[in-house]
């Protein structure tokens, strides 16, 4: 590919971004990587992050091989983390707060737009691409877009039943609060893209509602974390099913269905919930949370450990770009009940290595759990198959596949 170079940007960094970084470096494609906060492994800052009270720093550790490519823009993101820590809600208010996530994304994006020299392509994510894409187009630079969640115009189609059946729960769905200006920016980002990458079939399907002509859209699933090598399964005889939900407490992720199913199956399940509220003082949620084990937040390694102690992960999302918790649970040998609106549809064969239920359908969740109660031996069997599935697609493969696709695209253009 010669000296072609790619500028990759992501404000916070996550496991799939790290996998892509590894793939681009291995392929010799990475020119620069922009993020807000980056702590290199084995550095003093990494040791500091282990004890510093802002736990968000622990998620910003990158391999040392990223150092030659790394540029940071930390101030807005530090403000956001501190605001969250001290409970300053006004500072992180949706779209308006001085340190809200929208301001973090746009600040980094504007900074990048001023630093596009000696770059052949810009790879950016939804809500963080507009300024850099505009400048890139003017310079003849390729614009590579990553859409990590479902397209916004599809919300009405996929949430219409919730608006009718559970209108009060729509208060927990914050994505519908996006302003017209923000939504218009999302559409302009798509219009400027030369190629689009998504991580699930569902996300690609939602793009069918885009009113214009899109560039090629490719599905490359993120893959799985390292698998649990020695998973054991406890007998279910004479005890309840240990059921786990991990995710923000919003009906976008089907939390109301989880709580309804647990209520119907009272005496048969122990429900543990890990996730933060998206709406405070919402009595239907608060009332149900009090009946179960609720943990607002856990470090990722503790989430994985908890998954290994549970019988089943339940994640009946109504609108999900991927749903990394599905892959995480499968990698730990914990079978998953999910919907075809997550990455589950890319990996799970119903009744073989997990279960797929219709989105928004509590009765089907209950039906599936009752079948499991009738045949508890299926937990170990299906969990073992989930492990086998996870072993075939480690996260590193995602980075390699995506890097190869990017290289092919640039070569052909």
Protein backbone atom coordinates (compact mmCIF):
# COMPACT_ATOMS: atom_id res chain seq x y z
CA UNK A 1 0.00 0.00 0.00
CA UNK A 2 3.01 2.28 -0.01
CA UNK A 3 2.92 5.17 2.40
CA UNK A 4 -0.87 5.44 2.67
CA UNK A 5 -1.80 6.45 6.21
CA UNK A 6 -5.01 6.52 8.23
CA UNK A 7 -6.00 8.90 10.99
CA UNK A 8 -8.17 7.09 13.54
CA UNK A 9 -10.15 9.02 16.14
CA UNK A 10 -12.29 8.04 19.08
CA UNK A 11 -12.86 10.23 22.17
CA UNK A 12 -12.91 7.49 24.79
CA UNK A 13 -11.48 4.33 23.26
CA UNK A 14 -12.92 0.88 23.93
CA UNK A 15 -12.11 -2.74 23.22
CA UNK A 16 -13.10 -2.63 19.55
CA UNK A 17 -11.11 0.58 19.00
CA UNK A 18 -8.09 -1.11 20.58
CA UNK A 19 -8.55 -4.10 18.29
CA UNK A 20 -8.70 -1.81 15.26
CA UNK A 21 -5.58 0.02 16.45
CA UNK A 22 -3.75 -3.30 16.67
CA UNK A 23 -4.89 -4.30 13.19
CA UNK A 24 -3.89 -0.98 11.63
CA UNK A 25 -0.46 -1.00 13.27
CA UNK A 26 0.14 -4.60 12.21
CA UNK A 27 -0.83 -3.74 8.63
CA UNK A 28 1.35 -0.61 8.62
CA UNK A 29 -1.65 1.61 7.96
CA UNK A 30 -1.90 3.77 11.07
CA UNK A 31 -0.69 7.33 10.70
CA UNK A 32 -2.15 8.97 13.81
CA UNK A 33 -4.55 8.10 16.63
CA UNK A 34 -6.48 10.87 18.36
CA UNK A 35 -8.33 10.37 21.62
CA UNK A 36 -9.07 12.41 24.74
CA UNK A 37 -7.23 10.51 27.46
CA UNK A 38 -4.68 7.75 26.94
CA UNK A 39 -2.58 6.01 29.57
CA UNK A 40 0.16 3.73 28.30
CA UNK A 41 0.53 0.33 29.93
CA UNK A 42 3.29 -0.10 32.54
CA UNK A 43 3.56 3.65 32.96
CA UNK A 44 3.37 5.65 36.19
CA UNK A 45 -0.04 6.94 35.13
CA UNK A 46 -1.38 3.41 34.83
CA UNK A 47 -0.37 2.72 38.44
CA UNK A 48 -1.91 6.05 39.43
CA UNK A 49 -5.17 5.19 37.63
CA UNK A 50 -5.55 2.04 39.71
CA UNK A 51 -6.01 4.07 42.87
CA UNK A 52 -7.29 7.40 41.55
CA UNK A 53 -10.97 7.85 42.54
CA UNK A 54 -12.12 8.55 38.96
CA UNK A 55 -12.46 4.95 37.81
CA UNK A 56 -13.03 6.04 34.21
CA UNK A 57 -9.27 6.49 33.88
CA UNK A 58 -8.77 2.75 34.24
CA UNK A 59 -10.53 2.22 30.94
CA UNK A 60 -8.05 4.46 29.07
CA UNK A 61 -5.01 2.19 29.16
CA UNK A 62 -3.48 1.45 25.73
CA UNK A 63 -0.66 -0.83 24.62
CA UNK A 64 2.70 0.90 24.48
CA UNK A 65 2.97 0.28 20.71
CA UNK A 66 0.34 3.04 20.25
CA UNK A 67 2.74 5.69 21.61
CA UNK A 68 4.34 6.78 18.29
CA UNK A 69 0.90 7.51 16.81
CA UNK A 70 -0.83 9.01 19.84
CA UNK A 71 -2.31 12.52 20.20
CA UNK A 72 -4.57 13.51 23.08
CA UNK A 73 -7.12 16.24 23.77
CA UNK A 74 -7.95 15.70 27.46
CA UNK A 75 -9.56 18.79 29.03
CA UNK A 76 -13.23 18.31 28.08
CA UNK A 77 -13.16 14.61 28.93
CA UNK A 78 -11.46 15.22 32.28
CA UNK A 79 -14.20 17.74 33.03
CA UNK A 80 -16.85 15.18 32.12
CA UNK A 81 -15.36 12.48 34.36
CA UNK A 82 -15.02 14.87 37.31
CA UNK A 83 -18.57 16.19 36.79
CA UNK A 84 -19.91 12.64 36.88
CA UNK A 85 -17.86 11.83 39.96
CA UNK A 86 -19.08 14.83 41.98
CA UNK A 87 -22.65 14.59 40.69
CA UNK A 88 -22.72 17.90 38.79
CA UNK A 89 -25.63 17.05 36.49
CA UNK A 90 -25.78 20.47 34.85
CA UNK A 91 -22.22 20.08 33.63
CA UNK A 92 -23.06 16.91 31.69
CA UNK A 93 -26.64 17.79 30.70
CA UNK A 94 -27.63 16.25 27.36
CA UNK A 95 -26.21 18.38 24.51
CA UNK A 96 -26.09 21.52 26.69
CA UNK A 97 -23.68 20.84 29.55
CA UNK A 98 -20.20 22.31 29.15
CA UNK A 99 -18.73 18.82 29.71
CA UNK A 100 -21.49 16.70 28.15
CA UNK A 101 -20.44 13.83 25.89
CA UNK A 102 -21.57 15.78 22.81
CA UNK A 103 -19.15 18.60 23.65
CA UNK A 104 -16.35 16.09 24.24
CA UNK A 105 -16.91 14.52 20.81
CA UNK A 106 -17.22 17.81 18.93
CA UNK A 107 -14.16 19.34 20.64
CA UNK A 108 -11.94 16.43 19.57
CA UNK A 109 -13.46 16.44 16.08
CA UNK A 110 -12.74 20.15 15.56
CA UNK A 111 -9.18 19.68 16.83
CA UNK A 112 -8.62 16.85 14.33
CA UNK A 113 -10.04 18.91 11.45
CA UNK A 114 -7.09 21.30 11.88
CA UNK A 115 -4.55 18.47 11.71
CA UNK A 116 -5.19 16.56 8.49
CA UNK A 117 -1.87 17.02 6.74
CA UNK A 118 -0.11 13.94 5.33
CA UNK A 119 -3.17 11.73 5.83
CA UNK A 120 -4.91 9.62 3.17
CA UNK A 121 -8.02 8.63 5.11
CA UNK A 122 -9.92 9.63 8.25
CA UNK A 123 -11.67 6.92 10.26
CA UNK A 124 -14.20 8.44 12.66
CA UNK A 125 -17.29 7.45 14.62
CA UNK A 126 -20.87 8.72 14.77
CA UNK A 127 -21.20 12.18 16.38
CA UNK A 128 -17.44 12.70 16.18
CA UNK A 129 -16.82 12.97 12.43
CA UNK A 130 -18.52 16.05 10.97
CA UNK A 131 -15.81 18.71 11.22
CA UNK A 132 -13.00 16.36 10.20
CA UNK A 133 -15.05 14.90 7.32
CA UNK A 134 -15.89 18.37 5.99
CA UNK A 135 -12.22 19.35 5.91
CA UNK A 136 -11.19 15.93 4.59
CA UNK A 137 -13.55 16.23 1.64
CA UNK A 138 -12.07 19.60 0.74
CA UNK A 139 -8.60 18.03 0.77
CA UNK A 140 -9.54 14.91 -1.22
CA UNK A 141 -9.07 12.64 1.81
CA UNK A 142 -11.18 9.48 2.17
CA UNK A 143 -13.84 9.51 4.89
CA UNK A 144 -14.38 6.17 6.64
CA UNK A 145 -17.40 6.13 8.98
CA UNK A 146 -18.17 3.80 11.84
CA UNK A 147 -21.81 3.63 12.97
CA UNK A 148 -21.76 1.78 16.32
CA UNK A 149 -25.51 1.85 16.94
CA UNK A 150 -28.73 1.77 14.97
CA UNK A 151 -29.55 4.67 12.63
CA UNK A 152 -31.60 7.33 14.37
CA UNK A 153 -34.50 7.42 11.90
CA UNK A 154 -35.24 3.79 12.77
CA UNK A 155 -36.15 4.67 16.36
CA UNK A 156 -39.78 5.35 15.44
CA UNK A 157 -40.12 2.05 13.59
CA UNK A 158 -38.57 -0.13 16.30
CA UNK A 159 -39.93 1.70 19.35
CA UNK A 160 -43.50 2.30 18.19
CA UNK A 161 -44.90 -0.55 20.30
CA UNK A 162 -43.16 0.81 23.39
CA UNK A 163 -44.68 4.25 22.87
CA UNK A 164 -48.09 2.58 22.88
CA UNK A 165 -47.65 -0.18 25.47
CA UNK A 166 -45.19 1.41 27.93
CA UNK A 167 -45.30 5.19 27.31
CA UNK A 168 -44.01 5.94 30.82
CA UNK A 169 -40.83 3.92 30.15
CA UNK A 170 -39.96 6.13 27.17
CA UNK A 171 -38.69 8.56 29.80
CA UNK A 172 -35.69 6.25 30.19
CA UNK A 173 -34.88 6.30 26.45
CA UNK A 174 -32.56 9.30 26.21
CA UNK A 175 -31.67 8.93 22.52
CA UNK A 176 -35.11 10.24 21.55
CA UNK A 177 -34.15 13.52 23.22
CA UNK A 178 -31.61 14.40 20.51
CA UNK A 179 -32.21 17.84 18.99
CA UNK A 180 -33.01 18.40 15.32
CA UNK A 181 -29.57 19.97 14.93
CA UNK A 182 -27.82 16.87 16.29
CA UNK A 183 -29.86 14.56 14.07
CA UNK A 184 -29.08 16.69 11.02
CA UNK A 185 -25.36 16.40 11.84
CA UNK A 186 -25.67 12.61 11.96
CA UNK A 187 -27.19 12.62 8.48
CA UNK A 188 -24.48 14.92 7.14
CA UNK A 189 -21.79 12.61 8.52
CA UNK A 190 -23.36 9.72 6.61
CA UNK A 191 -23.63 11.83 3.46
CA UNK A 192 -19.91 12.70 3.61
CA UNK A 193 -18.76 9.10 4.17
CA UNK A 194 -17.05 7.16 1.37
CA UNK A 195 -17.58 3.83 3.14
CA UNK A 196 -19.48 2.78 6.28
CA UNK A 197 -18.66 0.02 8.74
CA UNK A 198 -21.16 -1.45 11.20
CA UNK A 199 -20.83 -4.32 13.66
CA UNK A 200 -24.17 -6.09 13.31
CA UNK A 201 -26.76 -7.05 10.72
CA UNK A 202 -29.37 -5.13 12.71
CA UNK A 203 -27.45 -1.85 12.45
CA UNK A 204 -27.13 -2.29 8.69
CA UNK A 205 -30.86 -2.96 8.44
CA UNK A 206 -31.71 0.29 10.23
CA UNK A 207 -29.78 2.21 7.56
CA UNK A 208 -32.43 1.19 5.03
CA UNK A 209 -34.40 4.15 6.40
CA UNK A 210 -31.75 6.67 5.37
CA UNK A 211 -33.47 8.97 2.83
CA UNK A 212 -30.46 9.48 0.56
CA UNK A 213 -27.98 7.30 -1.29
CA UNK A 214 -25.45 5.63 0.95
CA UNK A 215 -21.93 4.47 0.13
CA UNK A 216 -21.13 0.75 0.59
CA UNK A 217 -22.02 -0.58 4.06
CA UNK A 218 -20.00 -3.50 5.46
CA UNK A 219 -20.81 -5.63 8.50
CA UNK A 220 -17.79 -6.73 10.53
CA UNK A 221 -18.76 -7.97 14.04
CA UNK A 222 -16.45 -6.94 16.86
CA UNK A 223 -15.74 -10.43 18.11
CA UNK A 224 -15.24 -11.78 21.63
CA UNK A 225 -13.02 -11.09 24.65
CA UNK A 226 -10.62 -13.82 25.82
CA UNK A 227 -12.62 -16.89 26.77
CA UNK A 228 -12.90 -18.50 30.20
CA UNK A 229 -10.80 -21.66 30.02
CA UNK A 230 -12.34 -23.47 33.00
CA UNK A 231 -16.03 -22.70 33.34
CA UNK A 232 -17.96 -24.81 35.84
CA UNK A 233 -21.73 -25.11 36.11
CA UNK A 234 -23.62 -25.54 39.36
CA UNK A 235 -26.61 -27.82 39.58
CA UNK A 236 -29.93 -26.02 39.29
CA UNK A 237 -31.89 -28.61 41.28
CA UNK A 238 -33.64 -27.18 44.34
CA UNK A 239 -32.56 -23.60 43.63
CA UNK A 240 -33.57 -20.61 41.58
CA UNK A 241 -32.06 -19.55 38.25
CA UNK A 242 -29.40 -16.88 38.76
CA UNK A 243 -30.32 -14.32 36.12
CA UNK A 244 -28.08 -11.35 35.20
CA UNK A 245 -28.79 -8.13 33.32
CA UNK A 246 -25.92 -5.79 32.41
CA UNK A 247 -26.53 -2.43 30.74
CA UNK A 248 -27.97 1.02 31.23
CA UNK A 249 -31.38 0.91 32.89
CA UNK A 250 -33.35 2.01 29.87
CA UNK A 251 -36.17 0.38 27.98
CA UNK A 252 -33.99 0.70 24.90
CA UNK A 253 -32.23 -2.33 26.39
CA UNK A 254 -35.45 -4.02 27.50
CA UNK A 255 -35.09 -3.48 31.25
CA UNK A 256 -38.88 -3.28 31.72
CA UNK A 257 -39.26 -6.71 30.10
CA UNK A 258 -36.58 -8.14 32.40
CA UNK A 259 -38.34 -6.78 35.49
CA UNK A 260 -41.74 -7.98 34.26
CA UNK A 261 -40.41 -11.49 33.64
CA UNK A 262 -38.78 -11.62 37.08
CA UNK A 263 -42.07 -10.56 38.64
CA UNK A 264 -44.01 -13.27 36.82
CA UNK A 265 -41.40 -15.88 37.77
CA UNK A 266 -41.14 -14.74 41.37
CA UNK A 267 -39.77 -17.59 43.47
CA UNK A 268 -38.03 -19.15 40.46
CA UNK A 269 -35.31 -16.60 39.64
CA UNK A 270 -32.72 -14.48 41.43
CA UNK A 271 -32.17 -11.34 39.38
CA UNK A 272 -28.94 -9.30 39.57
CA UNK A 273 -28.83 -5.99 37.68
CA UNK A 274 -25.64 -4.11 36.83
CA UNK A 275 -26.14 -0.72 35.26
CA UNK A 276 -26.73 2.98 35.73
CA UNK A 277 -30.05 4.79 35.64
CA UNK A 278 -30.74 6.97 32.63
CA UNK A 279 -33.62 8.68 34.47
CA UNK A 280 -33.81 9.56 38.15
CA UNK A 281 -36.87 9.53 40.43
CA UNK A 282 -38.68 7.20 38.04
CA UNK A 283 -40.90 5.26 40.44
CA UNK A 284 -41.72 2.19 38.25
CA UNK A 285 -37.99 1.47 37.99
CA UNK A 286 -37.07 2.35 41.58
CA UNK A 287 -39.86 0.15 42.95
CA UNK A 288 -38.65 -2.91 41.04
CA UNK A 289 -34.95 -2.33 41.65
CA UNK A 290 -35.60 -2.55 45.39
CA UNK A 291 -36.75 -6.15 44.94
CA UNK A 292 -33.51 -7.35 43.34
CA UNK A 293 -29.74 -7.08 43.64
CA UNK A 294 -28.75 -3.84 41.94
CA UNK A 295 -25.13 -2.76 41.35
CA UNK A 296 -24.85 0.66 39.62
CA UNK A 297 -21.37 0.04 38.21
CA UNK A 298 -18.51 -2.48 38.17
CA UNK A 299 -15.08 -2.57 36.49
CA UNK A 300 -15.09 -4.79 33.43
CA UNK A 301 -13.03 -7.57 35.02
CA UNK A 302 -15.56 -7.77 37.87
CA UNK A 303 -18.45 -7.88 35.38
CA UNK A 304 -16.80 -10.87 33.67
CA UNK A 305 -16.26 -12.56 37.03
CA UNK A 306 -19.91 -12.00 37.93
CA UNK A 307 -20.99 -13.45 34.59
CA UNK A 308 -19.14 -16.67 35.43
CA UNK A 309 -21.17 -16.96 38.63
CA UNK A 310 -24.53 -16.56 36.89
CA UNK A 311 -26.63 -19.10 35.03
CA UNK A 312 -27.94 -16.83 32.28
CA UNK A 313 -27.42 -13.31 30.95
CA UNK A 314 -30.66 -11.70 29.83
CA UNK A 315 -30.31 -8.81 27.40
CA UNK A 316 -33.60 -8.29 25.50
CA UNK A 317 -32.61 -5.04 23.79
CA UNK A 318 -35.07 -3.28 21.50
CA UNK A 319 -32.47 -1.21 19.65
CA UNK A 320 -28.79 -2.07 19.87
CA UNK A 321 -25.87 -1.48 17.57
CA UNK A 322 -24.06 -4.48 18.96
CA UNK A 323 -24.44 -5.31 22.65
CA UNK A 324 -20.93 -6.16 23.81
CA UNK A 325 -22.29 -7.74 27.00
CA UNK A 326 -23.74 -10.54 24.85
CA UNK A 327 -20.27 -11.38 23.53
CA UNK A 328 -18.74 -10.98 26.98
CA UNK A 329 -21.18 -13.41 28.58
CA UNK A 330 -20.70 -15.99 25.82
CA UNK A 331 -16.94 -15.71 26.25
CA UNK A 332 -17.39 -16.67 29.91
CA UNK A 333 -19.60 -19.65 29.08
CA UNK A 334 -22.76 -17.93 30.30
CA UNK A 335 -25.62 -18.55 27.87
CA UNK A 336 -27.59 -15.52 26.72
CA UNK A 337 -31.24 -14.70 26.14
CA UNK A 338 -31.34 -11.78 23.69
CA UNK A 339 -33.21 -10.46 20.65
CA UNK A 340 -32.48 -10.23 16.94
CA UNK A 341 -31.76 -6.52 17.45
CA UNK A 342 -28.32 -7.17 18.94
CA UNK A 343 -25.14 -8.93 17.82
CA UNK A 344 -26.84 -12.10 19.05
CA UNK A 345 -28.41 -12.44 15.63
CA UNK A 346 -24.89 -12.64 14.13
CA UNK A 347 -23.66 -15.36 16.48
CA UNK A 348 -26.53 -17.20 18.18
CA UNK A 349 -28.53 -20.14 16.88
CA UNK A 350 -31.67 -20.28 18.98
CA UNK A 351 -31.57 -23.20 21.39
CA UNK A 352 -28.03 -24.20 20.30
CA UNK A 353 -25.62 -21.66 21.78
CA UNK A 354 -28.14 -19.21 23.24
CA UNK A 355 -31.73 -18.07 22.83
CA UNK A 356 -33.32 -15.43 20.60
CA UNK A 357 -36.68 -13.94 21.68
CA UNK A 358 -38.84 -11.28 19.98
CA UNK A 359 -37.98 -7.75 21.12
CA UNK A 360 -40.40 -6.24 23.63
CA UNK A 361 -42.10 -9.57 24.33
CA UNK A 362 -42.11 -10.46 28.03
CA UNK A 363 -44.22 -13.58 27.58
CA UNK A 364 -41.59 -15.11 25.26
CA UNK A 365 -38.88 -14.42 27.83
CA UNK A 366 -40.98 -16.15 30.48
CA UNK A 367 -41.66 -19.04 28.12
CA UNK A 368 -37.93 -19.48 27.45
CA UNK A 369 -37.05 -19.36 31.16
CA UNK A 370 -39.74 -21.93 31.99
CA UNK A 371 -38.28 -24.27 29.36
CA UNK A 372 -34.88 -23.87 30.98
CA UNK A 373 -36.38 -24.63 34.39
CA UNK A 374 -37.87 -27.81 32.94
CA UNK A 375 -34.51 -28.84 31.45
CA UNK A 376 -31.82 -27.21 33.63
CA UNK A 377 -29.09 -29.38 32.12
CA UNK A 378 -29.35 -27.21 28.99
CA UNK A 379 -27.54 -24.36 30.76
CA UNK A 380 -24.21 -26.20 30.78
CA UNK A 381 -24.77 -27.58 27.29
CA UNK A 382 -25.67 -24.25 25.70
CA UNK A 383 -23.07 -22.38 27.75
CA UNK A 384 -20.38 -24.73 26.44
CA UNK A 385 -21.53 -24.11 22.87
CA UNK A 386 -21.43 -20.37 23.53
CA UNK A 387 -17.80 -20.74 24.64
CA UNK A 388 -16.96 -22.61 21.43
CA UNK A 389 -18.54 -19.82 19.39
CA UNK A 390 -16.56 -17.17 21.25
CA UNK A 391 -13.29 -19.06 20.79
CA UNK A 392 -13.68 -18.93 17.00
CA UNK A 393 -13.86 -15.12 16.81
CA UNK A 394 -11.50 -13.32 19.21
CA UNK A 395 -11.51 -9.53 19.20
CA UNK A 396 -8.14 -9.46 17.42
CA UNK A 397 -9.75 -11.00 14.33
CA UNK A 398 -12.07 -7.98 14.17
CA UNK A 399 -9.10 -5.62 13.97
CA UNK A 400 -7.44 -7.71 11.27
CA UNK A 401 -10.61 -8.04 9.16
CA UNK A 402 -11.45 -4.36 9.41
CA UNK A 403 -7.89 -3.29 8.56
CA UNK A 404 -7.88 -5.57 5.51
CA UNK A 405 -11.23 -4.14 4.35
CA UNK A 406 -9.94 -0.58 4.75
CA UNK A 407 -6.80 -1.42 2.79
CA UNK A 408 -8.82 -3.01 -0.01
CA UNK A 409 -11.09 0.03 -0.18
CA UNK A 410 -8.26 2.54 -0.43
CA UNK A 411 -6.40 0.43 -3.00
CA UNK A 412 -9.48 0.23 -5.20
CA UNK A 413 -10.09 3.96 -5.00
